[in-house]
Structures are given as C-alpha cells and as structure tokens.
C-alpha cells in the first residue's frame, strides 16, 4: 500500500514513517509538513492509496 504522511516531521509522523519503513507491506510515497508547498500535497494525494494526517489537532 502506498502511504502519504501529513505532519511527517512531527513527533508522531516521525515514528509513523519509521514503522511504515520497517513494514514490508507499505511504501511511503511522500510526506509534507507545515512549510511544504500546496503542489507537494497535490502530488502526494495523486500518488497515495491512503493519507495519514498527524499535522495538528485543531485541523
């Protein structure tokens, strides 16, 4: 499964990337953080089977 991670540089996002990388069943196709450009999010959405969002609790 191709996974995109929103909030990739945060505490949980970093752990999530590590765990997904260790799994033989998933590949990380992209990750964005608060300073990413909108085009990066669009590209990640197009290339992912699923997005996991650990950006902010207020969103």
C-alpha atoms as a PDB file:
ATOM      1  CA  UNK A   1       0.000   0.000   0.000  1.00  0.00           C
ATOM      2  CA  UNK A   2       1.305   3.443  -0.927  1.00  0.00           C
ATOM      3  CA  UNK A   3       1.113   5.819   2.056  1.00  0.00           C
ATOM      4  CA  UNK A   4       1.395   9.595   2.268  1.00  0.00           C
ATOM      5  CA  UNK A   5       2.048  11.238   5.635  1.00  0.00           C
ATOM      6  CA  UNK A   6       0.879  14.734   6.557  1.00  0.00           C
ATOM      7  CA  UNK A   7       2.866  16.058   9.511  1.00  0.00           C
ATOM      8  CA  UNK A   8       5.869  13.952   8.609  1.00  0.00           C
ATOM      9  CA  UNK A   9       8.380  15.978  10.656  1.00  0.00           C
ATOM     10  CA  UNK A  10       6.410  15.914  13.882  1.00  0.00           C
ATOM     11  CA  UNK A  11       6.780  13.540  16.811  1.00  0.00           C
ATOM     12  CA  UNK A  12       4.141  11.025  15.702  1.00  0.00           C
ATOM     13  CA  UNK A  13       4.842  11.490  11.984  1.00  0.00           C
ATOM     14  CA  UNK A  14       8.496  10.582  12.503  1.00  0.00           C
ATOM     15  CA  UNK A  15       7.568   7.417  14.416  1.00  0.00           C
ATOM     16  CA  UNK A  16       4.966   6.529  11.805  1.00  0.00           C
ATOM     17  CA  UNK A  17       7.478   6.816   8.958  1.00  0.00           C
ATOM     18  CA  UNK A  18       9.904   4.598  10.857  1.00  0.00           C
ATOM     19  CA  UNK A  19       7.269   1.919  11.473  1.00  0.00           C
ATOM     20  CA  UNK A  20       5.981   2.014   7.894  1.00  0.00           C
ATOM     21  CA  UNK A  21       9.536   1.751   6.579  1.00  0.00           C
ATOM     22  CA  UNK A  22      10.104  -1.386   8.640  1.00  0.00           C
ATOM     23  CA  UNK A  23       6.913  -2.951   7.308  1.00  0.00           C
ATOM     24  CA  UNK A  24       7.389  -4.915   4.138  1.00  0.00           C
ATOM     25  CA  UNK A  25       3.808  -4.206   3.099  1.00  0.00           C
ATOM     26  CA  UNK A  26       3.856  -0.405   2.810  1.00  0.00           C
ATOM     27  CA  UNK A  27       5.812   2.183   0.881  1.00  0.00           C
ATOM     28  CA  UNK A  28       5.941   5.861   1.744  1.00  0.00           C
ATOM     29  CA  UNK A  29       5.279   7.901  -1.382  1.00  0.00           C
ATOM     30  CA  UNK A  30       5.566  11.285   0.263  1.00  0.00           C
ATOM     31  CA  UNK A  31       5.398  13.393   3.347  1.00  0.00           C
ATOM     32  CA  UNK A  32       4.619  17.024   3.970  1.00  0.00           C
ATOM     33  CA  UNK A  33       4.991  19.407   6.867  1.00  0.00           C
ATOM     34  CA  UNK A  34       3.888  22.929   7.653  1.00  0.00           C
ATOM     35  CA  UNK A  35       6.415  24.510   5.315  1.00  0.00           C
ATOM     36  CA  UNK A  36       5.507  22.352   2.294  1.00  0.00           C
ATOM     37  CA  UNK A  37       4.047  23.871  -0.848  1.00  0.00           C
ATOM     38  CA  UNK A  38       0.456  23.110  -1.962  1.00  0.00           C
ATOM     39  CA  UNK A  39       1.778  21.371  -5.088  1.00  0.00           C
ATOM     40  CA  UNK A  40       3.561  18.832  -2.894  1.00  0.00           C
ATOM     41  CA  UNK A  41       0.290  17.915  -1.179  1.00  0.00           C
ATOM     42  CA  UNK A  42      -1.481  17.579  -4.523  1.00  0.00           C
ATOM     43  CA  UNK A  43       1.252  15.290  -5.878  1.00  0.00           C
ATOM     44  CA  UNK A  44       1.175  13.159  -2.723  1.00  0.00           C
ATOM     45  CA  UNK A  45      -2.625  12.798  -2.886  1.00  0.00           C
ATOM     46  CA  UNK A  46      -2.438  11.663  -6.505  1.00  0.00           C
ATOM     47  CA  UNK A  47       0.251   9.050  -5.790  1.00  0.00           C
ATOM     48  CA  UNK A  48      -1.054   7.598  -2.497  1.00  0.00           C
ATOM     49  CA  UNK A  49      -3.537   4.862  -1.713  1.00  0.00           C
ATOM     50  CA  UNK A  50      -4.057   6.371   1.729  1.00  0.00           C
ATOM     51  CA  UNK A  51      -3.108   9.573   3.581  1.00  0.00           C
ATOM     52  CA  UNK A  52      -2.407   9.650   7.295  1.00  0.00           C
ATOM     53  CA  UNK A  53      -2.719  13.096   8.884  1.00  0.00           C
ATOM     54  CA  UNK A  54      -0.801  13.864  12.068  1.00  0.00           C
ATOM     55  CA  UNK A  55      -0.434  17.562  11.377  1.00  0.00           C
ATOM     56  CA  UNK A  56      -2.391  19.353  14.112  1.00  0.00           C
ATOM     57  CA  UNK A  57      -5.171  18.501  16.484  1.00  0.00           C
ATOM     58  CA  UNK A  58      -7.003  21.708  15.583  1.00  0.00           C
ATOM     59  CA  UNK A  59      -7.496  20.715  11.943  1.00  0.00           C
END
